[in-house]
PDB file of N, CA and C in Angstrom:
ATOM      1  N   MET A   1     -56.450 -57.446 120.725  1.00  0.00           N
ATOM      2  CA  MET A   1     -56.563 -57.801 119.331  1.00  0.00           C
ATOM      3  C   MET A   1     -57.503 -56.828 118.622  1.00  0.00           C
ATOM      4  N   GLU A   2     -58.570 -56.443 119.333  1.00  0.00           N
ATOM      5  CA  GLU A   2     -59.519 -55.488 118.748  1.00  0.00           C
ATOM      6  C   GLU A   2     -58.830 -54.161 118.448  1.00  0.00           C
ATOM      7  N   GLU A   3     -58.008 -53.700 119.383  1.00  0.00           N
ATOM      8  CA  GLU A   3     -57.283 -52.442 119.198  1.00  0.00           C
ATOM      9  C   GLU A   3     -56.346 -52.516 118.003  1.00  0.00           C
ATOM     10  N   LYS A   4     -55.624 -53.616 117.874  1.00  0.00           N
ATOM     11  CA  LYS A   4     -54.687 -53.763 116.756  1.00  0.00           C
ATOM     12  C   LYS A   4     -55.442 -53.770 115.431  1.00  0.00           C
ATOM     13  N   GLY A   5     -56.619 -54.389 115.401  1.00  0.00           N
ATOM     14  CA  GLY A   5     -57.430 -54.388 114.195  1.00  0.00           C
ATOM     15  C   GLY A   5     -57.891 -52.991 113.818  1.00  0.00           C
ATOM     16  N   ARG A   6     -58.249 -52.195 114.832  1.00  0.00           N
ATOM     17  CA  ARG A   6     -58.690 -50.808 114.577  1.00  0.00           C
ATOM     18  C   ARG A   6     -57.537 -49.929 114.126  1.00  0.00           C
ATOM     19  N   THR A   7     -56.362 -50.114 114.712  1.00  0.00           N
ATOM     20  CA  THR A   7     -55.236 -49.235 114.405  1.00  0.00           C
ATOM     21  C   THR A   7     -54.447 -49.657 113.166  1.00  0.00           C
ATOM     22  N   HIS A   8     -54.735 -50.850 112.637  1.00  0.00           N
ATOM     23  CA  HIS A   8     -54.043 -51.326 111.434  1.00  0.00           C
ATOM     24  C   HIS A   8     -55.040 -51.782 110.353  1.00  0.00           C
ATOM     25  N   PRO A   9     -56.007 -50.936 109.998  1.00  0.00           N
ATOM     26  CA  PRO A   9     -56.988 -51.369 108.993  1.00  0.00           C
ATOM     27  C   PRO A   9     -56.308 -51.579 107.627  1.00  0.00           C
ATOM     28  N   GLY A  10     -56.767 -52.595 106.934  1.00  0.00           N
ATOM     29  CA  GLY A  10     -56.221 -52.885 105.613  1.00  0.00           C
ATOM     30  C   GLY A  10     -54.838 -53.506 105.627  1.00  0.00           C
ATOM     31  N   SER A  11     -54.335 -53.856 106.789  1.00  0.00           N
ATOM     32  CA  SER A  11     -52.979 -54.423 106.882  1.00  0.00           C
ATOM     33  C   SER A  11     -52.955 -55.934 106.671  1.00  0.00           C
ATOM     34  N   GLY A  12     -54.141 -56.539 106.620  1.00  0.00           N
ATOM     35  CA  GLY A  12     -54.192 -57.990 106.508  1.00  0.00           C
ATOM     36  C   GLY A  12     -54.067 -58.678 107.858  1.00  0.00           C
ATOM     37  N   TYR A  13     -54.121 -57.882 108.928  1.00  0.00           N
ATOM     38  CA  TYR A  13     -54.037 -58.464 110.268  1.00  0.00           C
ATOM     39  C   TYR A  13     -55.190 -59.423 110.497  1.00  0.00           C
ATOM     40  N   ASN A  14     -54.863 -60.622 110.973  1.00  0.00           N
ATOM     41  CA  ASN A  14     -55.844 -61.653 111.256  1.00  0.00           C
ATOM     42  C   ASN A  14     -55.753 -62.005 112.742  1.00  0.00           C
ATOM     43  N   PRO A  15     -56.706 -61.550 113.567  1.00  0.00           N
ATOM     44  CA  PRO A  15     -56.632 -61.831 115.001  1.00  0.00           C
ATOM     45  C   PRO A  15     -56.617 -63.329 115.286  1.00  0.00           C
ATOM     46  N   ALA A  16     -55.782 -63.725 116.225  1.00  0.00           N
ATOM     47  CA  ALA A  16     -55.693 -65.138 116.595  1.00  0.00           C
ATOM     48  C   ALA A  16     -55.491 -65.266 118.104  1.00  0.00           C
ATOM     49  N   LEU A  17     -56.210 -66.192 118.699  1.00  0.00           N
ATOM     50  CA  LEU A  17     -56.076 -66.524 120.115  1.00  0.00           C
ATOM     51  C   LEU A  17     -55.787 -68.011 120.195  1.00  0.00           C
ATOM     52  N   THR A  18     -54.695 -68.360 120.855  1.00  0.00           N
ATOM     53  CA  THR A  18     -54.275 -69.750 120.961  1.00  0.00           C
ATOM     54  C   THR A  18     -54.273 -70.166 122.423  1.00  0.00           C
ATOM     55  N   VAL A  19     -54.862 -71.320 122.701  1.00  0.00           N
ATOM     56  CA  VAL A  19     -54.845 -71.897 124.038  1.00  0.00           C
ATOM     57  C   VAL A  19     -54.191 -73.264 123.926  1.00  0.00           C
ATOM     58  N   SER A  20     -53.204 -73.516 124.779  1.00  0.00           N
ATOM     59  CA  SER A  20     -52.532 -74.813 124.753  1.00  0.00           C
ATOM     60  C   SER A  20     -52.330 -75.304 126.179  1.00  0.00           C
ATOM     61  N   THR A  21     -52.216 -76.612 126.298  1.00  0.00           N
ATOM     62  CA  THR A  21     -51.954 -77.229 127.596  1.00  0.00           C
ATOM     63  C   THR A  21     -50.752 -78.147 127.472  1.00  0.00           C
ATOM     64  N   LYS A  22     -50.103 -78.349 128.608  1.00  0.00           N
ATOM     65  CA  LYS A  22     -48.930 -79.221 128.623  1.00  0.00           C
ATOM     66  C   LYS A  22     -48.881 -79.927 129.970  1.00  0.00           C
ATOM     67  N   TRP A  23     -48.663 -81.211 129.936  1.00  0.00           N
ATOM     68  CA  TRP A  23     -48.534 -82.023 131.139  1.00  0.00           C
ATOM     69  C   TRP A  23     -47.117 -81.839 131.674  1.00  0.00           C
ATOM     70  N   LEU A  24     -46.996 -81.370 132.913  1.00  0.00           N
ATOM     71  CA  LEU A  24     -45.694 -81.175 133.538  1.00  0.00           C
ATOM     72  C   LEU A  24     -45.552 -82.138 134.707  1.00  0.00           C
ATOM     73  N   ASP A  25     -44.367 -82.219 135.234  1.00  0.00           N
ATOM     74  CA  ASP A  25     -44.144 -83.034 136.420  1.00  0.00           C
ATOM     75  C   ASP A  25     -43.711 -82.123 137.548  1.00  0.00           C
ATOM     76  N   PRO A  26     -44.561 -81.815 138.494  1.00  0.00           N
ATOM     77  CA  PRO A  26     -45.850 -82.435 138.809  1.00  0.00           C
ATOM     78  C   PRO A  26     -47.014 -81.453 138.648  1.00  0.00           C
ATOM     79  N   GLY A  27     -47.342 -81.040 137.469  1.00  0.00           N
ATOM     80  CA  GLY A  27     -48.454 -80.119 137.280  1.00  0.00           C
ATOM     81  C   GLY A  27     -48.921 -80.078 135.854  1.00  0.00           C
ATOM     82  N   ILE A  28     -49.709 -79.058 135.575  1.00  0.00           N
ATOM     83  CA  ILE A  28     -50.202 -78.831 134.224  1.00  0.00           C
ATOM     84  C   ILE A  28     -50.007 -77.367 133.888  1.00  0.00           C
ATOM     85  N   GLN A  29     -49.640 -77.104 132.651  1.00  0.00           N
ATOM     86  CA  GLN A  29     -49.413 -75.740 132.179  1.00  0.00           C
ATOM     87  C   GLN A  29     -50.495 -75.384 131.172  1.00  0.00           C
ATOM     88  N   ILE A  30     -51.041 -74.197 131.324  1.00  0.00           N
ATOM     89  CA  ILE A  30     -52.046 -73.671 130.400  1.00  0.00           C
ATOM     90  C   ILE A  30     -51.510 -72.348 129.869  1.00  0.00           C
ATOM     91  N   CYS A  31     -51.402 -72.228 128.554  1.00  0.00           N
ATOM     92  CA  CYS A  31     -50.931 -70.993 127.929  1.00  0.00           C
ATOM     93  C   CYS A  31     -52.052 -70.401 127.082  1.00  0.00           C
ATOM     94  N   VAL A  32     -52.257 -69.111 127.243  1.00  0.00           N
ATOM     95  CA  VAL A  32     -53.220 -68.370 126.435  1.00  0.00           C
ATOM     96  C   VAL A  32     -52.435 -67.244 125.777  1.00  0.00           C
ATOM     97  N   GLU A  33     -52.403 -67.236 124.441  1.00  0.00           N
ATOM     98  CA  GLU A  33     -51.597 -66.256 123.707  1.00  0.00           C
ATOM     99  C   GLU A  33     -52.419 -65.623 122.599  1.00  0.00           C
ATOM    100  N   ASP A  34     -52.242 -64.312 122.429  1.00  0.00           N
ATOM    101  CA  ASP A  34     -52.887 -63.626 121.314  1.00  0.00           C
ATOM    102  C   ASP A  34     -51.833 -62.920 120.470  1.00  0.00           C
ATOM    103  N   ASN A  35     -52.227 -62.483 119.306  1.00  0.00           N
ATOM    104  CA  ASN A  35     -51.327 -61.759 118.417  1.00  0.00           C
ATOM    105  C   ASN A  35     -51.754 -60.296 118.305  1.00  0.00           C
ATOM    106  N   GLY A  36     -52.228 -59.756 119.435  1.00  0.00           N
ATOM    107  CA  GLY A  36     -52.694 -58.377 119.462  1.00  0.00           C
ATOM    108  C   GLY A  36     -51.556 -57.380 119.558  1.00  0.00           C
ATOM    109  N   SER A  37     -51.872 -56.226 120.108  1.00  0.00           N
ATOM    110  CA  SER A  37     -50.912 -55.120 120.134  1.00  0.00           C
ATOM    111  C   SER A  37     -49.894 -55.233 121.255  1.00  0.00           C
ATOM    112  N   GLY A  38     -50.045 -56.199 122.151  1.00  0.00           N
ATOM    113  CA  GLY A  38     -49.077 -56.393 123.223  1.00  0.00           C
ATOM    114  C   GLY A  38     -49.284 -55.415 124.362  1.00  0.00           C
ATOM    115  N   ILE A  39     -48.471 -55.569 125.400  1.00  0.00           N
ATOM    116  CA  ILE A  39     -48.540 -54.733 126.594  1.00  0.00           C
ATOM    117  C   ILE A  39     -47.209 -54.028 126.748  1.00  0.00           C
ATOM    118  N   ALA A  40     -47.258 -52.717 126.915  1.00  0.00           N
ATOM    119  CA  ALA A  40     -46.040 -51.917 127.061  1.00  0.00           C
ATOM    120  C   ALA A  40     -45.268 -52.342 128.311  1.00  0.00           C
ATOM    121  N   PRO A  41     -43.931 -52.328 128.246  1.00  0.00           N
ATOM    122  CA  PRO A  41     -43.116 -52.752 129.386  1.00  0.00           C
ATOM    123  C   PRO A  41     -43.427 -51.992 130.675  1.00  0.00           C
ATOM    124  N   GLU A  42     -43.709 -50.704 130.586  1.00  0.00           N
ATOM    125  CA  GLU A  42     -43.989 -49.925 131.796  1.00  0.00           C
ATOM    126  C   GLU A  42     -45.327 -50.291 132.425  1.00  0.00           C
ATOM    127  N   VAL A  43     -46.176 -50.986 131.694  1.00  0.00           N
ATOM    128  CA  VAL A  43     -47.479 -51.413 132.193  1.00  0.00           C
ATOM    129  C   VAL A  43     -47.434 -52.869 132.649  1.00  0.00           C
ATOM    130  N   LEU A  44     -46.574 -53.651 132.041  1.00  0.00           N
ATOM    131  CA  LEU A  44     -46.529 -55.096 132.272  1.00  0.00           C
ATOM    132  C   LEU A  44     -46.370 -55.463 133.745  1.00  0.00           C
ATOM    133  N   ASP A  45     -45.569 -54.703 134.481  1.00  0.00           N
ATOM    134  CA  ASP A  45     -45.345 -54.998 135.895  1.00  0.00           C
ATOM    135  C   ASP A  45     -46.556 -54.693 136.771  1.00  0.00           C
ATOM    136  N   LYS A  46     -47.552 -54.021 136.215  1.00  0.00           N
ATOM    137  CA  LYS A  46     -48.714 -53.594 137.003  1.00  0.00           C
ATOM    138  C   LYS A  46     -49.979 -54.393 136.725  1.00  0.00           C
ATOM    139  N   VAL A  47     -49.975 -55.262 135.724  1.00  0.00           N
ATOM    140  CA  VAL A  47     -51.229 -55.883 135.271  1.00  0.00           C
ATOM    141  C   VAL A  47     -51.921 -56.740 136.322  1.00  0.00           C
ATOM    142  N   PHE A  48     -51.187 -57.238 137.316  1.00  0.00           N
ATOM    143  CA  PHE A  48     -51.808 -58.070 138.347  1.00  0.00           C
ATOM    144  C   PHE A  48     -52.201 -57.268 139.597  1.00  0.00           C
ATOM    145  N   GLN A  49     -51.973 -55.958 139.575  1.00  0.00           N
ATOM    146  CA  GLN A  49     -52.339 -55.111 140.715  1.00  0.00           C
ATOM    147  C   GLN A  49     -53.845 -54.833 140.700  1.00  0.00           C
ATOM    148  N   PRO A  50     -54.490 -54.913 141.869  1.00  0.00           N
ATOM    149  CA  PRO A  50     -55.926 -54.617 141.934  1.00  0.00           C
ATOM    150  C   PRO A  50     -56.220 -53.192 141.458  1.00  0.00           C
ATOM    151  N   PHE A  51     -57.271 -53.065 140.685  1.00  0.00           N
ATOM    152  CA  PHE A  51     -57.797 -51.797 140.173  1.00  0.00           C
ATOM    153  C   PHE A  51     -56.915 -51.142 139.110  1.00  0.00           C
ATOM    154  N   PHE A  52     -55.879 -51.820 138.647  1.00  0.00           N
ATOM    155  CA  PHE A  52     -55.076 -51.257 137.558  1.00  0.00           C
ATOM    156  C   PHE A  52     -55.754 -51.578 136.233  1.00  0.00           C
ATOM    157  N   THR A  53     -55.970 -50.570 135.422  1.00  0.00           N
ATOM    158  CA  THR A  53     -56.547 -50.765 134.098  1.00  0.00           C
ATOM    159  C   THR A  53     -56.023 -49.701 133.148  1.00  0.00           C
ATOM    160  N   THR A  54     -55.938 -50.041 131.899  1.00  0.00           N
ATOM    161  CA  THR A  54     -55.583 -49.073 130.868  1.00  0.00           C
ATOM    162  C   THR A  54     -56.819 -48.656 130.083  1.00  0.00           C
ATOM    163  N   LYS A  55     -57.952 -49.215 130.449  1.00  0.00           N
ATOM    164  CA  LYS A  55     -59.200 -48.905 129.757  1.00  0.00           C
ATOM    165  C   LYS A  55     -59.766 -47.569 130.233  1.00  0.00           C
ATOM    166  N   PRO A  56     -60.559 -46.922 129.382  1.00  0.00           N
ATOM    167  CA  PRO A  56     -61.199 -45.665 129.792  1.00  0.00           C
ATOM    168  C   PRO A  56     -62.180 -45.903 130.945  1.00  0.00           C
ATOM    169  N   PRO A  57     -62.466 -44.865 131.726  1.00  0.00           N
ATOM    170  CA  PRO A  57     -63.427 -44.994 132.823  1.00  0.00           C
ATOM    171  C   PRO A  57     -64.742 -45.605 132.355  1.00  0.00           C
ATOM    172  N   GLY A  58     -65.247 -46.527 133.158  1.00  0.00           N
ATOM    173  CA  GLY A  58     -66.506 -47.180 132.838  1.00  0.00           C
ATOM    174  C   GLY A  58     -66.386 -48.418 131.978  1.00  0.00           C
ATOM    175  N   GLU A  59     -65.175 -48.735 131.491  1.00  0.00           N
ATOM    176  CA  GLU A  59     -64.995 -49.900 130.619  1.00  0.00           C
ATOM    177  C   GLU A  59     -64.240 -51.045 131.277  1.00  0.00           C
ATOM    178  N   GLY A  60     -63.830 -50.862 132.509  1.00  0.00           N
ATOM    179  CA  GLY A  60     -63.120 -51.936 133.202  1.00  0.00           C
ATOM    180  C   GLY A  60     -62.797 -51.536 134.620  1.00  0.00           C
ATOM    181  N   THR A  61     -62.795 -52.509 135.508  1.00  0.00           N
ATOM    182  CA  THR A  61     -62.511 -52.209 136.914  1.00  0.00           C
ATOM    183  C   THR A  61     -61.062 -52.478 137.290  1.00  0.00           C
ATOM    184  N   GLY A  62     -60.339 -53.219 136.460  1.00  0.00           N
ATOM    185  CA  GLY A  62     -58.968 -53.562 136.803  1.00  0.00           C
ATOM    186  C   GLY A  62     -58.874 -54.660 137.839  1.00  0.00           C
ATOM    187  N   LEU A  63     -59.915 -55.477 137.943  1.00  0.00           N
ATOM    188  CA  LEU A  63     -59.908 -56.547 138.941  1.00  0.00           C
ATOM    189  C   LEU A  63     -59.729 -57.940 138.354  1.00  0.00           C
ATOM    190  N   GLY A  64     -59.986 -58.126 137.079  1.00  0.00           N
ATOM    191  CA  GLY A  64     -59.961 -59.462 136.486  1.00  0.00           C
ATOM    192  C   GLY A  64     -58.646 -60.196 136.665  1.00  0.00           C
ATOM    193  N   LEU A  65     -57.545 -59.562 136.296  1.00  0.00           N
ATOM    194  CA  LEU A  65     -56.259 -60.244 136.400  1.00  0.00           C
ATOM    195  C   LEU A  65     -55.793 -60.370 137.842  1.00  0.00           C
ATOM    196  N   SER A  66     -56.099 -59.384 138.684  1.00  0.00           N
ATOM    197  CA  SER A  66     -55.672 -59.500 140.088  1.00  0.00           C
ATOM    198  C   SER A  66     -56.431 -60.619 140.796  1.00  0.00           C
ATOM    199  N   ILE A  67     -57.709 -60.771 140.499  1.00  0.00           N
ATOM    200  CA  ILE A  67     -58.496 -61.870 141.086  1.00  0.00           C
ATOM    201  C   ILE A  67     -57.988 -63.213 140.559  1.00  0.00           C
ATOM    202  N   SER A  68     -57.726 -63.285 139.264  1.00  0.00           N
ATOM    203  CA  SER A  68     -57.192 -64.517 138.677  1.00  0.00           C
ATOM    204  C   SER A  68     -55.867 -64.892 139.318  1.00  0.00           C
ATOM    205  N   TYR A  69     -55.002 -63.911 139.516  1.00  0.00           N
ATOM    206  CA  TYR A  69     -53.695 -64.131 140.131  1.00  0.00           C
ATOM    207  C   TYR A  69     -53.851 -64.707 141.536  1.00  0.00           C
ATOM    208  N   GLU A  70     -54.747 -64.127 142.316  1.00  0.00           N
ATOM    209  CA  GLU A  70     -54.969 -64.599 143.687  1.00  0.00           C
ATOM    210  C   GLU A  70     -55.558 -66.007 143.721  1.00  0.00           C
ATOM    211  N   ILE A  71     -56.457 -66.314 142.816  1.00  0.00           N
ATOM    212  CA  ILE A  71     -57.044 -67.657 142.763  1.00  0.00           C
ATOM    213  C   ILE A  71     -55.978 -68.691 142.390  1.00  0.00           C
ATOM    214  N   VAL A  72     -55.234 -68.416 141.328  1.00  0.00           N
ATOM    215  CA  VAL A  72     -54.224 -69.365 140.856  1.00  0.00           C
ATOM    216  C   VAL A  72     -53.138 -69.568 141.907  1.00  0.00           C
ATOM    217  N   ARG A  73     -52.625 -68.488 142.471  1.00  0.00           N
ATOM    218  CA  ARG A  73     -51.516 -68.591 143.439  1.00  0.00           C
ATOM    219  C   ARG A  73     -52.006 -68.995 144.818  1.00  0.00           C
ATOM    220  N   GLY A  74     -53.020 -68.297 145.325  1.00  0.00           N
ATOM    221  CA  GLY A  74     -53.459 -68.519 146.697  1.00  0.00           C
ATOM    222  C   GLY A  74     -54.302 -69.762 146.876  1.00  0.00           C
ATOM    223  N   ASP A  75     -55.338 -69.903 146.065  1.00  0.00           N
ATOM    224  CA  ASP A  75     -56.263 -71.024 146.231  1.00  0.00           C
ATOM    225  C   ASP A  75     -55.716 -72.340 145.681  1.00  0.00           C
ATOM    226  N   PHE A  76     -54.966 -72.278 144.578  1.00  0.00           N
ATOM    227  CA  PHE A  76     -54.503 -73.507 143.939  1.00  0.00           C
ATOM    228  C   PHE A  76     -53.005 -73.762 144.088  1.00  0.00           C
ATOM    229  N   GLY A  77     -52.251 -72.806 144.626  1.00  0.00           N
ATOM    230  CA  GLY A  77     -50.820 -73.003 144.804  1.00  0.00           C
ATOM    231  C   GLY A  77     -50.043 -73.058 143.506  1.00  0.00           C
ATOM    232  N   GLY A  78     -50.545 -72.390 142.490  1.00  0.00           N
ATOM    233  CA  GLY A  78     -49.890 -72.395 141.188  1.00  0.00           C
ATOM    234  C   GLY A  78     -49.183 -71.092 140.902  1.00  0.00           C
ATOM    235  N   SER A  79     -48.933 -70.847 139.631  1.00  0.00           N
ATOM    236  CA  SER A  79     -48.296 -69.601 139.216  1.00  0.00           C
ATOM    237  C   SER A  79     -49.014 -69.046 137.989  1.00  0.00           C
ATOM    238  N   LEU A  80     -48.945 -67.734 137.846  1.00  0.00           N
ATOM    239  CA  LEU A  80     -49.533 -67.034 136.710  1.00  0.00           C
ATOM    240  C   LEU A  80     -48.538 -65.982 136.275  1.00  0.00           C
ATOM    241  N   GLU A  81     -48.066 -66.089 135.044  1.00  0.00           N
ATOM    242  CA  GLU A  81     -47.062 -65.167 134.525  1.00  0.00           C
ATOM    243  C   GLU A  81     -47.511 -64.610 133.191  1.00  0.00           C
ATOM    244  N   VAL A  82     -46.989 -63.438 132.853  1.00  0.00           N
ATOM    245  CA  VAL A  82     -47.307 -62.811 131.573  1.00  0.00           C
ATOM    246  C   VAL A  82     -46.014 -62.394 130.883  1.00  0.00           C
ATOM    247  N   VAL A  83     -45.981 -62.616 129.578  1.00  0.00           N
ATOM    248  CA  VAL A  83     -44.887 -62.178 128.722  1.00  0.00           C
ATOM    249  C   VAL A  83     -45.543 -61.483 127.540  1.00  0.00           C
ATOM    250  N   SER A  84     -44.979 -60.356 127.131  1.00  0.00           N
ATOM    251  CA  SER A  84     -45.577 -59.625 126.028  1.00  0.00           C
ATOM    252  C   SER A  84     -44.515 -58.877 125.245  1.00  0.00           C
ATOM    253  N   GLU A  85     -44.771 -58.715 123.966  1.00  0.00           N
ATOM    254  CA  GLU A  85     -43.927 -57.898 123.111  1.00  0.00           C
ATOM    255  C   GLU A  85     -44.842 -56.951 122.347  1.00  0.00           C
ATOM    256  N   VAL A  86     -44.594 -55.661 122.529  1.00  0.00           N
ATOM    257  CA  VAL A  86     -45.442 -54.651 121.904  1.00  0.00           C
ATOM    258  C   VAL A  86     -45.486 -54.866 120.394  1.00  0.00           C
ATOM    259  N   GLY A  87     -46.698 -54.861 119.865  1.00  0.00           N
ATOM    260  CA  GLY A  87     -46.907 -55.031 118.430  1.00  0.00           C
ATOM    261  C   GLY A  87     -46.934 -56.469 117.958  1.00  0.00           C
ATOM    262  N   ARG A  88     -46.654 -57.433 118.869  1.00  0.00           N
ATOM    263  CA  ARG A  88     -46.571 -58.830 118.423  1.00  0.00           C
ATOM    264  C   ARG A  88     -47.493 -59.779 119.156  1.00  0.00           C
ATOM    265  N   PHE A  89     -47.423 -59.837 120.496  1.00  0.00           N
ATOM    266  CA  PHE A  89     -48.185 -60.861 121.210  1.00  0.00           C
ATOM    267  C   PHE A  89     -48.247 -60.554 122.695  1.00  0.00           C
ATOM    268  N   THR A  90     -49.159 -61.256 123.373  1.00  0.00           N
ATOM    269  CA  THR A  90     -49.190 -61.351 124.835  1.00  0.00           C
ATOM    270  C   THR A  90     -49.479 -62.799 125.167  1.00  0.00           C
ATOM    271  N   ARG A  91     -48.731 -63.352 126.127  1.00  0.00           N
ATOM    272  CA  ARG A  91     -48.919 -64.746 126.535  1.00  0.00           C
ATOM    273  C   ARG A  91     -49.043 -64.826 128.062  1.00  0.00           C
ATOM    274  N   PHE A  92     -50.147 -65.403 128.509  1.00  0.00           N
ATOM    275  CA  PHE A  92     -50.336 -65.696 129.929  1.00  0.00           C
ATOM    276  C   PHE A  92     -50.097 -67.184 130.120  1.00  0.00           C
ATOM    277  N   THR A  93     -49.271 -67.527 131.104  1.00  0.00           N
ATOM    278  CA  THR A  93     -48.966 -68.920 131.394  1.00  0.00           C
ATOM    279  C   THR A  93     -49.378 -69.227 132.826  1.00  0.00           C
ATOM    280  N   ILE A  94     -50.235 -70.224 132.965  1.00  0.00           N
ATOM    281  CA  ILE A  94     -50.711 -70.685 134.262  1.00  0.00           C
ATOM    282  C   ILE A  94     -50.127 -72.075 134.491  1.00  0.00           C
ATOM    283  N   VAL A  95     -49.552 -72.290 135.663  1.00  0.00           N
ATOM    284  CA  VAL A  95     -49.087 -73.623 136.035  1.00  0.00           C
ATOM    285  C   VAL A  95     -49.811 -74.001 137.320  1.00  0.00           C
ATOM    286  N   LEU A  96     -50.501 -75.132 137.278  1.00  0.00           N
ATOM    287  CA  LEU A  96     -51.251 -75.643 138.432  1.00  0.00           C
ATOM    288  C   LEU A  96     -50.690 -76.989 138.845  1.00  0.00           C
ATOM    289  N   PRO A  97     -50.567 -77.209 140.155  1.00  0.00           N
ATOM    290  CA  PRO A  97     -50.110 -78.525 140.609  1.00  0.00           C
ATOM    291  C   PRO A  97     -51.208 -79.567 140.416  1.00  0.00           C
ATOM    292  N   ARG A  98     -50.789 -80.808 140.186  1.00  0.00           N
ATOM    293  CA  ARG A  98     -51.751 -81.917 140.100  1.00  0.00           C
ATOM    294  C   ARG A  98     -51.932 -82.487 141.503  1.00  0.00           C
ATOM    295  N   VAL A  99     -53.151 -82.847 141.803  1.00  0.00           N
ATOM    296  CA  VAL A  99     -53.443 -83.487 143.080  1.00  0.00           C
ATOM    297  C   VAL A  99     -54.377 -84.663 142.842  1.00  0.00           C
ATOM    298  N   GLY A 100     -54.413 -85.584 143.775  1.00  0.00           N
ATOM    299  CA  GLY A 100     -55.315 -86.712 143.655  1.00  0.00           C
ATOM    300  C   GLY A 100     -54.583 -88.015 143.442  1.00  0.00           C
ATOM    301  N   ARG A 101     -55.349 -89.063 143.210  1.00  0.00           N
ATOM    302  CA  ARG A 101     -54.779 -90.412 143.086  1.00  0.00           C
ATOM    303  C   ARG A 101     -53.889 -90.578 141.881  1.00  0.00           C
ATOM    304  N   ASN A 102     -54.183 -89.873 140.786  1.00  0.00           N
ATOM    305  CA  ASN A 102     -53.426 -90.070 139.551  1.00  0.00           C
ATOM    306  C   ASN A 102     -52.369 -88.999 139.313  1.00  0.00           C
ATOM    307  N   SER A 103     -51.971 -88.280 140.350  1.00  0.00           N
ATOM    308  CA  SER A 103     -51.009 -87.191 140.141  1.00  0.00           C
ATOM    309  C   SER A 103     -49.578 -87.681 140.116  1.00  0.00           C
TER     310      SER A 103
END
């Protein structure tokens, strides 16, 4: 979103981040969506790979999404997916199974 604001000054762009949840059977869905510059298709398939980053050296390690992916899938048995359209949005969707007495 910061990049889109810098590259489109005076355009009236208003950054927005939306978080929503949804009760599923048998889990819960968490969606995080922004209206930033999006992720290019050639990069989208790599975002969950360890050490992959599009940031300049010293500004990111490329571990955040790969660690998140491993926690959601490996530790919790859920799923983590990303959908993006360049110039419009990026949406991460996490689905976690429910466990316990009230699941």
